[in-house]
């Protein structure tokens, strides 16, 4: 069973084994996540870190650190997707609000990049959390035009009724053709 601990303020983990001159980790670099996976097949001794920095002997474990967290790579991917596409809709295939926005864009002759979060498997909820962190919006659809978030279904439809959606779409399309 794998356990993931979020260690936001941790930049390195000292893992020196006391009483062993032949085996020592000095400082093991970590950025945001420390992954600890139980390894019952191993007969080696492991140490775990207590909250106050104390160490205690525990079941054998292997420790892996990631140079950059999966979340930050995912955040960069979302930012690039939004920046490089004139219209992006983060959606769920079963959501009536998402369907309404997609129908509106179809009616206007716009072909947005639609990312169906429910079809991304385990990555879907993670992308949705990244979107919430970036925009403050935890619902779908999450609509971006010209690299900027316009909101959800209600916001997009309001822009359409006010006559502002078409000009945003024109500007975003023209901008993407320039690049």
N, C-alpha and C. Protein backbone atom coordinates (compact mmCIF):
# COMPACT_ATOMS: atom_id res chain seq x y z
N UNK A 1 0.85 -1.17 0.00
CA UNK A 1 0.00 0.00 0.00
C UNK A 1 0.89 1.24 0.00
N UNK A 2 0.62 2.17 -0.90
CA UNK A 2 1.42 3.38 -0.98
C UNK A 2 0.75 4.49 -0.19
N UNK A 3 1.57 5.25 0.50
CA UNK A 3 1.08 6.38 1.29
C UNK A 3 1.81 7.62 0.80
N UNK A 4 1.09 8.68 0.51
CA UNK A 4 1.72 9.91 0.08
C UNK A 4 1.50 10.96 1.14
N UNK A 5 2.59 11.60 1.54
CA UNK A 5 2.51 12.67 2.54
C UNK A 5 2.89 13.98 1.88
N UNK A 6 2.13 15.01 2.08
CA UNK A 6 2.45 16.33 1.56
C UNK A 6 3.31 17.04 2.60
N UNK A 7 4.52 17.37 2.20
CA UNK A 7 5.46 18.00 3.11
C UNK A 7 5.88 19.34 2.51
N UNK A 8 4.99 20.31 2.57
CA UNK A 8 5.16 21.59 1.88
C UNK A 8 6.43 22.31 2.25
N UNK A 9 6.84 22.32 3.50
CA UNK A 9 7.98 23.12 3.92
C UNK A 9 9.27 22.32 3.97
N UNK A 10 9.25 21.11 3.49
CA UNK A 10 10.40 20.23 3.58
C UNK A 10 11.23 20.34 2.32
N UNK A 11 12.49 20.68 2.45
CA UNK A 11 13.36 20.76 1.28
C UNK A 11 14.29 19.56 1.20
N UNK A 12 14.56 18.92 2.33
CA UNK A 12 15.38 17.71 2.32
C UNK A 12 15.07 16.89 3.56
N UNK A 13 15.37 15.61 3.45
CA UNK A 13 15.09 14.69 4.55
C UNK A 13 16.39 14.01 4.96
N UNK A 14 16.85 14.18 6.20
CA UNK A 14 18.05 13.45 6.64
C UNK A 14 17.68 12.00 6.94
N UNK A 15 18.39 11.10 6.28
CA UNK A 15 18.09 9.68 6.48
C UNK A 15 19.37 8.92 6.84
N UNK A 16 20.09 9.35 7.80
CA UNK A 16 21.28 8.64 8.24
C UNK A 16 20.88 7.50 9.16
N UNK A 17 21.44 6.34 8.94
CA UNK A 17 21.18 5.21 9.82
C UNK A 17 22.23 5.21 10.91
N UNK A 18 21.80 5.25 12.13
CA UNK A 18 22.74 5.23 13.26
C UNK A 18 23.36 3.84 13.38
N UNK A 19 24.64 3.80 13.67
CA UNK A 19 25.32 2.54 13.90
C UNK A 19 25.77 1.85 12.63
N UNK A 20 25.64 2.49 11.49
CA UNK A 20 26.07 1.86 10.25
C UNK A 20 27.02 2.80 9.53
N UNK A 21 28.28 2.41 9.45
CA UNK A 21 29.24 3.27 8.78
C UNK A 21 29.26 3.03 7.28
N UNK A 22 28.75 1.88 6.85
CA UNK A 22 28.82 1.57 5.43
C UNK A 22 27.61 2.09 4.64
N UNK A 23 26.54 2.47 5.32
CA UNK A 23 25.33 2.86 4.60
C UNK A 23 24.80 4.16 5.17
N UNK A 24 24.71 5.15 4.33
CA UNK A 24 24.22 6.44 4.82
C UNK A 24 23.69 7.27 3.66
N UNK A 25 22.53 7.88 3.85
CA UNK A 25 22.04 8.93 2.95
C UNK A 25 22.33 10.23 3.69
N UNK A 26 22.91 11.19 3.04
CA UNK A 26 23.09 12.46 3.74
C UNK A 26 21.77 13.21 3.69
N UNK A 27 21.57 14.09 2.75
CA UNK A 27 20.29 14.76 2.64
C UNK A 27 19.62 14.33 1.35
N UNK A 28 18.45 13.80 1.48
CA UNK A 28 17.70 13.35 0.33
C UNK A 28 16.80 14.49 -0.13
N UNK A 29 17.03 15.06 -1.33
CA UNK A 29 16.26 16.23 -1.76
C UNK A 29 14.82 15.86 -2.08
N UNK A 30 13.92 16.73 -1.68
CA UNK A 30 12.50 16.57 -1.99
C UNK A 30 11.97 17.94 -2.36
N UNK A 31 11.01 17.99 -3.28
CA UNK A 31 10.43 19.30 -3.55
C UNK A 31 9.13 19.43 -2.79
N UNK A 32 8.09 18.72 -3.19
CA UNK A 32 6.83 18.88 -2.48
C UNK A 32 6.29 17.58 -1.90
N UNK A 33 6.63 16.48 -2.51
CA UNK A 33 6.02 15.24 -2.07
C UNK A 33 7.07 14.20 -1.71
N UNK A 34 6.82 13.49 -0.67
CA UNK A 34 7.65 12.37 -0.25
C UNK A 34 6.77 11.14 -0.35
N UNK A 35 7.16 10.22 -1.21
CA UNK A 35 6.36 9.02 -1.39
C UNK A 35 6.99 7.89 -0.58
N UNK A 36 6.22 7.28 0.25
CA UNK A 36 6.70 6.18 1.07
C UNK A 36 5.88 4.95 0.72
N UNK A 37 6.57 3.90 0.30
CA UNK A 37 5.87 2.71 -0.09
C UNK A 37 6.34 1.55 0.76
N UNK A 38 5.41 0.83 1.36
CA UNK A 38 5.75 -0.31 2.18
C UNK A 38 6.35 -1.41 1.32
N UNK A 39 7.38 -2.02 1.81
CA UNK A 39 8.05 -3.08 1.07
C UNK A 39 8.23 -4.27 2.02
N UNK A 40 7.25 -5.13 2.08
CA UNK A 40 7.28 -6.24 3.03
C UNK A 40 8.25 -7.33 2.60
N UNK A 41 8.65 -7.35 1.33
CA UNK A 41 9.57 -8.39 0.87
C UNK A 41 11.00 -8.11 1.32
N UNK A 42 11.30 -6.87 1.61
CA UNK A 42 12.65 -6.49 2.00
C UNK A 42 12.90 -6.84 3.47
N UNK A 43 14.11 -7.26 3.75
CA UNK A 43 14.48 -7.58 5.13
C UNK A 43 15.32 -6.46 5.75
N UNK A 44 15.47 -5.35 5.02
CA UNK A 44 16.30 -4.26 5.54
C UNK A 44 15.55 -3.47 6.60
N UNK A 45 16.31 -2.71 7.36
CA UNK A 45 15.73 -1.87 8.40
C UNK A 45 15.46 -0.49 7.82
N UNK A 46 14.34 0.09 8.19
CA UNK A 46 13.99 1.43 7.72
C UNK A 46 13.73 2.32 8.91
N UNK A 47 13.74 3.61 8.66
CA UNK A 47 13.46 4.59 9.69
C UNK A 47 12.33 5.48 9.22
N UNK A 48 11.50 5.90 10.10
CA UNK A 48 10.46 6.86 9.75
C UNK A 48 10.67 8.11 10.56
N UNK A 49 10.21 9.22 10.02
CA UNK A 49 10.38 10.49 10.69
C UNK A 49 9.13 10.85 11.46
N UNK A 50 9.30 11.24 12.70
CA UNK A 50 8.17 11.69 13.50
C UNK A 50 7.87 13.15 13.22
N UNK A 51 6.79 13.65 13.73
CA UNK A 51 6.38 15.04 13.49
C UNK A 51 7.42 16.01 14.00
N UNK A 52 8.03 15.73 15.13
CA UNK A 52 9.02 16.64 15.71
C UNK A 52 10.44 16.36 15.24
N UNK A 53 10.59 15.54 14.20
CA UNK A 53 11.90 15.24 13.67
C UNK A 53 12.55 14.02 14.30
N UNK A 54 11.88 13.42 15.30
CA UNK A 54 12.45 12.22 15.91
C UNK A 54 12.37 11.06 14.92
N UNK A 55 13.19 10.07 15.16
CA UNK A 55 13.21 8.90 14.28
C UNK A 55 12.85 7.68 15.09
N UNK A 56 12.18 6.77 14.44
CA UNK A 56 11.90 5.49 15.09
C UNK A 56 12.03 4.39 14.06
N UNK A 57 12.42 3.24 14.51
CA UNK A 57 12.55 2.12 13.60
C UNK A 57 11.15 1.64 13.24
N UNK A 58 10.98 1.28 11.98
CA UNK A 58 9.65 0.86 11.52
C UNK A 58 9.78 -0.30 10.56
N UNK A 59 8.65 -0.68 9.99
CA UNK A 59 8.66 -1.74 8.99
C UNK A 59 9.52 -1.31 7.82
N UNK A 60 10.06 -2.26 7.06
CA UNK A 60 10.87 -1.89 5.89
C UNK A 60 10.06 -1.04 4.92
N UNK A 61 10.70 -0.01 4.41
CA UNK A 61 10.05 0.89 3.46
C UNK A 61 11.06 1.35 2.43
N UNK A 62 10.57 1.69 1.26
CA UNK A 62 11.43 2.35 0.28
C UNK A 62 10.93 3.78 0.17
N UNK A 63 11.85 4.70 0.00
CA UNK A 63 11.51 6.11 -0.04
C UNK A 63 11.92 6.66 -1.39
N UNK A 64 10.97 7.33 -2.07
CA UNK A 64 11.26 7.96 -3.35
C UNK A 64 10.85 9.42 -3.27
N UNK A 65 11.68 10.31 -3.80
CA UNK A 65 11.33 11.72 -3.87
C UNK A 65 11.22 12.13 -5.32
N UNK A 66 10.32 13.05 -5.58
CA UNK A 66 10.14 13.54 -6.93
C UNK A 66 10.76 14.92 -7.04
N UNK A 67 11.51 15.16 -8.11
CA UNK A 67 12.16 16.45 -8.29
C UNK A 67 11.12 17.56 -8.44
N UNK A 68 10.07 17.30 -9.16
CA UNK A 68 8.98 18.27 -9.22
C UNK A 68 7.69 17.49 -9.05
N UNK A 69 6.76 18.07 -8.36
CA UNK A 69 5.54 17.35 -8.06
C UNK A 69 4.69 17.18 -9.30
N UNK A 70 3.90 16.13 -9.29
CA UNK A 70 2.97 15.85 -10.37
C UNK A 70 2.00 17.01 -10.53
N UNK A 71 1.56 17.58 -9.41
CA UNK A 71 0.61 18.69 -9.44
C UNK A 71 1.15 19.90 -10.17
N UNK A 72 2.43 20.22 -9.96
CA UNK A 72 2.99 21.40 -10.63
C UNK A 72 3.18 21.14 -12.11
N UNK A 73 3.50 19.91 -12.49
CA UNK A 73 3.61 19.58 -13.93
C UNK A 73 2.23 19.66 -14.57
N UNK A 74 1.22 19.20 -13.86
CA UNK A 74 -0.15 19.25 -14.36
C UNK A 74 -0.61 20.69 -14.49
N UNK A 75 -0.25 21.52 -13.52
CA UNK A 75 -0.60 22.94 -13.58
C UNK A 75 0.03 23.60 -14.80
N UNK A 76 1.29 23.30 -15.06
CA UNK A 76 1.96 23.86 -16.24
C UNK A 76 1.28 23.38 -17.52
N UNK A 77 0.85 22.14 -17.55
CA UNK A 77 0.16 21.59 -18.71
C UNK A 77 -1.16 22.33 -18.96
N UNK A 78 -1.92 22.58 -17.90
CA UNK A 78 -3.18 23.32 -18.03
C UNK A 78 -2.91 24.73 -18.53
N UNK A 79 -1.92 25.39 -17.97
CA UNK A 79 -1.59 26.75 -18.38
C UNK A 79 -1.20 26.81 -19.85
N UNK A 80 -0.40 25.84 -20.31
CA UNK A 80 0.02 25.79 -21.71
C UNK A 80 -1.18 25.53 -22.62
N UNK A 81 -2.05 24.62 -22.22
CA UNK A 81 -3.23 24.30 -23.00
C UNK A 81 -4.09 25.55 -23.20
N UNK A 82 -4.33 26.27 -22.12
CA UNK A 82 -5.15 27.48 -22.16
C UNK A 82 -4.48 28.56 -23.00
N UNK A 83 -3.17 28.70 -22.88
CA UNK A 83 -2.44 29.74 -23.59
C UNK A 83 -2.34 29.48 -25.09
N UNK A 84 -2.28 28.22 -25.49
CA UNK A 84 -2.04 27.87 -26.89
C UNK A 84 -3.30 27.54 -27.68
N UNK A 85 -4.45 27.68 -27.09
CA UNK A 85 -5.71 27.40 -27.80
C UNK A 85 -6.65 28.57 -27.60
N UNK A 86 -7.29 29.03 -28.68
CA UNK A 86 -8.15 30.21 -28.55
C UNK A 86 -9.35 29.99 -27.62
N UNK A 87 -9.94 28.81 -27.65
CA UNK A 87 -11.09 28.51 -26.79
C UNK A 87 -10.90 27.12 -26.20
N UNK A 88 -10.96 27.03 -24.88
CA UNK A 88 -10.81 25.76 -24.18
C UNK A 88 -11.99 25.60 -23.22
N UNK A 89 -12.60 24.42 -23.25
CA UNK A 89 -13.69 24.12 -22.33
C UNK A 89 -13.32 22.86 -21.56
N UNK A 90 -13.15 22.99 -20.26
CA UNK A 90 -12.99 21.83 -19.39
C UNK A 90 -14.41 21.42 -19.00
N UNK A 91 -14.74 20.18 -19.28
CA UNK A 91 -16.12 19.73 -19.25
C UNK A 91 -16.23 18.34 -18.65
N UNK A 92 -17.44 17.90 -18.45
CA UNK A 92 -17.74 16.50 -18.15
C UNK A 92 -18.84 16.08 -19.11
N UNK A 93 -18.67 14.93 -19.71
CA UNK A 93 -19.56 14.50 -20.78
C UNK A 93 -21.02 14.41 -20.36
N UNK A 94 -21.29 14.15 -19.11
CA UNK A 94 -22.66 13.97 -18.62
C UNK A 94 -23.28 15.26 -18.07
N UNK A 95 -22.52 16.35 -18.03
CA UNK A 95 -22.97 17.60 -17.41
C UNK A 95 -23.83 18.42 -18.38
N UNK A 96 -25.06 18.74 -17.96
CA UNK A 96 -25.97 19.51 -18.83
C UNK A 96 -25.46 20.93 -19.06
N UNK A 97 -24.80 21.52 -18.08
CA UNK A 97 -24.24 22.87 -18.25
C UNK A 97 -23.10 22.86 -19.26
N UNK A 98 -22.28 21.82 -19.21
CA UNK A 98 -21.20 21.68 -20.19
C UNK A 98 -21.79 21.51 -21.59
N UNK A 99 -22.83 20.71 -21.68
CA UNK A 99 -23.49 20.49 -22.98
C UNK A 99 -24.05 21.79 -23.54
N UNK A 100 -24.60 22.62 -22.66
CA UNK A 100 -25.17 23.90 -23.09
C UNK A 100 -24.09 24.80 -23.68
N UNK A 101 -22.94 24.87 -23.03
CA UNK A 101 -21.84 25.70 -23.52
C UNK A 101 -21.32 25.15 -24.85
N UNK A 102 -21.15 23.84 -24.94
CA UNK A 102 -20.66 23.25 -26.19
C UNK A 102 -21.65 23.50 -27.32
N UNK A 103 -22.95 23.42 -27.03
CA UNK A 103 -23.98 23.70 -28.05
C UNK A 103 -23.93 25.16 -28.49
N UNK A 104 -23.72 26.07 -27.55
CA UNK A 104 -23.62 27.49 -27.89
C UNK A 104 -22.45 27.74 -28.82
N UNK A 105 -21.30 27.17 -28.51
CA UNK A 105 -20.14 27.35 -29.37
C UNK A 105 -20.39 26.75 -30.75
N UNK A 106 -21.04 25.61 -30.81
CA UNK A 106 -21.36 24.97 -32.10
C UNK A 106 -22.27 25.88 -32.91
N UNK A 107 -23.28 26.45 -32.26
CA UNK A 107 -24.21 27.38 -32.90
C UNK A 107 -23.48 28.59 -33.48
N UNK A 108 -22.43 29.03 -32.77
CA UNK A 108 -21.65 30.18 -33.22
C UNK A 108 -20.56 29.81 -34.22
N UNK A 109 -20.43 28.52 -34.52
CA UNK A 109 -19.41 28.06 -35.46
C UNK A 109 -18.02 27.99 -34.87
N UNK A 110 -17.94 27.92 -33.58
CA UNK A 110 -16.65 27.87 -32.88
C UNK A 110 -16.36 26.42 -32.49
N UNK A 111 -15.13 26.01 -32.73
CA UNK A 111 -14.72 24.65 -32.36
C UNK A 111 -13.70 24.74 -31.23
N UNK A 112 -14.18 24.74 -29.98
CA UNK A 112 -13.24 24.83 -28.86
C UNK A 112 -12.50 23.52 -28.65
N UNK A 113 -11.38 23.61 -27.97
CA UNK A 113 -10.73 22.40 -27.47
C UNK A 113 -11.51 21.99 -26.24
N UNK A 114 -12.16 20.83 -26.30
CA UNK A 114 -12.97 20.35 -25.18
C UNK A 114 -12.21 19.24 -24.49
N UNK A 115 -12.01 19.39 -23.20
CA UNK A 115 -11.34 18.37 -22.40
C UNK A 115 -12.37 17.81 -21.43
N UNK A 116 -12.75 16.57 -21.67
CA UNK A 116 -13.75 15.89 -20.85
C UNK A 116 -13.06 15.28 -19.64
N UNK A 117 -13.20 15.91 -18.50
CA UNK A 117 -12.50 15.48 -17.29
C UNK A 117 -12.90 14.07 -16.86
N UNK A 118 -14.14 13.69 -17.09
CA UNK A 118 -14.60 12.36 -16.68
C UNK A 118 -14.05 11.25 -17.58
N UNK A 119 -13.41 11.63 -18.67
CA UNK A 119 -12.82 10.64 -19.58
C UNK A 119 -11.31 10.56 -19.44
N UNK A 120 -10.76 11.27 -18.47
CA UNK A 120 -9.30 11.27 -18.25
C UNK A 120 -8.86 10.25 -17.22
N UNK A 121 -9.78 9.46 -16.69
CA UNK A 121 -9.43 8.49 -15.66
C UNK A 121 -9.05 9.19 -14.36
N UNK A 122 -8.02 8.70 -13.72
CA UNK A 122 -7.59 9.24 -12.42
C UNK A 122 -7.08 10.67 -12.53
N UNK A 123 -6.67 11.07 -13.72
CA UNK A 123 -6.15 12.42 -13.89
C UNK A 123 -7.26 13.48 -13.90
N UNK A 124 -8.50 13.09 -14.21
CA UNK A 124 -9.61 14.02 -14.29
C UNK A 124 -9.81 14.84 -13.02
N UNK A 125 -9.98 14.17 -11.85
CA UNK A 125 -10.15 14.93 -10.61
C UNK A 125 -8.92 15.79 -10.27
N UNK A 126 -7.74 15.32 -10.66
CA UNK A 126 -6.53 16.10 -10.39
C UNK A 126 -6.50 17.37 -11.24
N UNK A 127 -6.92 17.26 -12.50
CA UNK A 127 -6.99 18.44 -13.36
C UNK A 127 -8.03 19.41 -12.81
N UNK A 128 -9.15 18.88 -12.34
CA UNK A 128 -10.19 19.74 -11.78
C UNK A 128 -9.69 20.48 -10.54
N UNK A 129 -8.88 19.82 -9.72
CA UNK A 129 -8.30 20.50 -8.55
C UNK A 129 -7.32 21.59 -8.98
N UNK A 130 -6.56 21.32 -10.02
CA UNK A 130 -5.63 22.33 -10.53
C UNK A 130 -6.41 23.54 -11.05
N UNK A 131 -7.49 23.27 -11.78
CA UNK A 131 -8.33 24.35 -12.28
C UNK A 131 -8.90 25.18 -11.14
N UNK A 132 -9.34 24.52 -10.08
CA UNK A 132 -9.87 25.24 -8.93
C UNK A 132 -8.80 26.11 -8.29
N UNK A 133 -7.58 25.56 -8.18
CA UNK A 133 -6.48 26.32 -7.59
C UNK A 133 -6.15 27.54 -8.45
N UNK A 134 -6.22 27.40 -9.78
CA UNK A 134 -5.88 28.49 -10.68
C UNK A 134 -6.98 29.53 -10.81
N UNK A 135 -8.25 29.08 -10.78
CA UNK A 135 -9.36 29.99 -11.10
C UNK A 135 -10.31 30.25 -9.94
N UNK A 136 -10.27 29.40 -8.92
CA UNK A 136 -11.23 29.52 -7.83
C UNK A 136 -12.57 28.86 -8.15
N UNK A 137 -12.70 28.30 -9.32
CA UNK A 137 -13.94 27.65 -9.75
C UNK A 137 -13.77 26.14 -9.69
N UNK A 138 -14.66 25.47 -8.96
CA UNK A 138 -14.53 24.02 -8.82
C UNK A 138 -15.54 23.26 -9.68
N UNK A 139 -16.36 23.97 -10.43
CA UNK A 139 -17.39 23.33 -11.24
C UNK A 139 -17.01 23.34 -12.72
N UNK A 140 -17.73 22.52 -13.50
CA UNK A 140 -17.61 22.53 -14.95
C UNK A 140 -18.94 23.00 -15.52
N UNK A 141 -18.90 23.57 -16.69
CA UNK A 141 -17.73 23.80 -17.53
C UNK A 141 -16.88 24.94 -16.99
N UNK A 142 -15.63 24.87 -17.31
CA UNK A 142 -14.69 25.94 -17.00
C UNK A 142 -14.17 26.42 -18.34
N UNK A 143 -14.58 27.61 -18.75
CA UNK A 143 -14.36 28.11 -20.10
C UNK A 143 -13.25 29.16 -20.12
N UNK A 144 -12.34 29.00 -21.10
CA UNK A 144 -11.24 29.94 -21.30
C UNK A 144 -11.30 30.43 -22.74
N UNK A 145 -11.22 31.73 -22.91
CA UNK A 145 -11.19 32.34 -24.24
C UNK A 145 -10.01 33.30 -24.29
N UNK A 146 -9.17 33.11 -25.30
CA UNK A 146 -8.00 33.97 -25.45
C UNK A 146 -7.04 33.88 -24.29
N UNK A 147 -6.96 32.74 -23.66
CA UNK A 147 -6.03 32.53 -22.55
C UNK A 147 -6.56 32.99 -21.21
N UNK A 148 -7.78 33.52 -21.19
CA UNK A 148 -8.35 34.01 -19.93
C UNK A 148 -9.63 33.26 -19.60
N UNK A 149 -9.82 33.01 -18.31
CA UNK A 149 -11.02 32.32 -17.88
C UNK A 149 -12.20 33.28 -17.93
N UNK A 150 -13.30 32.80 -18.56
CA UNK A 150 -14.52 33.61 -18.57
C UNK A 150 -15.53 33.09 -17.57
N UNK A 151 -15.34 31.88 -17.06
CA UNK A 151 -16.22 31.33 -16.04
C UNK A 151 -16.87 30.03 -16.49
N UNK A 152 -18.09 29.85 -16.02
CA UNK A 152 -18.83 28.63 -16.33
C UNK A 152 -19.92 28.89 -17.35
N UNK A 153 -20.94 28.06 -17.32
CA UNK A 153 -22.04 28.15 -18.26
C UNK A 153 -22.78 29.48 -18.14
N UNK A 154 -23.17 29.84 -16.94
CA UNK A 154 -23.94 31.07 -16.73
C UNK A 154 -23.16 32.28 -17.23
N UNK A 155 -21.87 32.35 -16.90
CA UNK A 155 -21.03 33.47 -17.32
C UNK A 155 -20.92 33.54 -18.84
N UNK A 156 -20.74 32.39 -19.48
CA UNK A 156 -20.58 32.33 -20.93
C UNK A 156 -21.88 32.75 -21.62
N UNK A 157 -23.00 32.25 -21.15
CA UNK A 157 -24.31 32.59 -21.73
C UNK A 157 -24.60 34.08 -21.52
N UNK A 158 -24.26 34.63 -20.35
CA UNK A 158 -24.46 36.08 -20.11
C UNK A 158 -23.66 36.91 -21.11
N UNK A 159 -22.41 36.51 -21.35
CA UNK A 159 -21.59 37.23 -22.34
C UNK A 159 -22.25 37.17 -23.72
N UNK A 160 -22.82 36.04 -24.06
CA UNK A 160 -23.51 35.88 -25.34
C UNK A 160 -24.71 36.82 -25.42
N UNK A 161 -25.54 36.84 -24.38
CA UNK A 161 -26.74 37.69 -24.38
C UNK A 161 -26.39 39.18 -24.38
N UNK A 162 -25.28 39.54 -23.79
CA UNK A 162 -24.84 40.94 -23.76
C UNK A 162 -24.15 41.34 -25.07
N UNK A 163 -23.93 40.36 -25.95
CA UNK A 163 -23.27 40.65 -27.22
C UNK A 163 -21.77 40.74 -27.13
N UNK A 164 -21.19 40.28 -26.04
CA UNK A 164 -19.74 40.40 -25.83
C UNK A 164 -18.97 39.13 -26.18
N UNK A 165 -19.66 38.00 -26.26
CA UNK A 165 -18.98 36.72 -26.49
C UNK A 165 -18.34 36.67 -27.87
N UNK A 166 -19.08 37.11 -28.90
CA UNK A 166 -18.57 37.04 -30.26
C UNK A 166 -17.29 37.85 -30.43
N UNK A 167 -17.23 39.04 -29.81
CA UNK A 167 -16.02 39.86 -29.95
C UNK A 167 -14.84 39.21 -29.23
N UNK A 168 -15.09 38.61 -28.08
CA UNK A 168 -14.02 37.87 -27.38
C UNK A 168 -13.50 36.72 -28.24
N UNK A 169 -14.44 36.01 -28.86
CA UNK A 169 -14.07 34.87 -29.71
C UNK A 169 -13.29 35.35 -30.94
N UNK A 170 -13.71 36.45 -31.53
CA UNK A 170 -13.01 37.00 -32.71
C UNK A 170 -11.58 37.40 -32.35
N UNK A 171 -11.43 38.08 -31.23
CA UNK A 171 -10.10 38.51 -30.78
C UNK A 171 -9.21 37.31 -30.51
N UNK A 172 -9.77 36.29 -29.84
CA UNK A 172 -8.98 35.10 -29.50
C UNK A 172 -8.57 34.34 -30.75
N UNK A 173 -9.48 34.25 -31.71
CA UNK A 173 -9.16 33.54 -32.96
C UNK A 173 -8.11 34.30 -33.76
N UNK A 174 -8.26 35.62 -33.85
CA UNK A 174 -7.28 36.44 -34.56
C UNK A 174 -5.91 36.35 -33.89
N UNK A 175 -5.90 36.37 -32.57
CA UNK A 175 -4.63 36.28 -31.82
C UNK A 175 -3.94 34.94 -32.09
N UNK A 176 -4.72 33.86 -32.13
CA UNK A 176 -4.12 32.54 -32.35
C UNK A 176 -3.59 32.41 -33.78
N UNK A 177 -4.21 33.10 -34.74
CA UNK A 177 -3.73 33.05 -36.13
C UNK A 177 -2.43 33.82 -36.29
N UNK A 178 -2.24 34.86 -35.46
CA UNK A 178 -1.00 35.63 -35.49
C UNK A 178 0.19 34.81 -35.01
N UNK A 179 -0.07 33.94 -34.04
CA UNK A 179 1.01 33.12 -33.46
C UNK A 179 1.21 31.94 -34.31
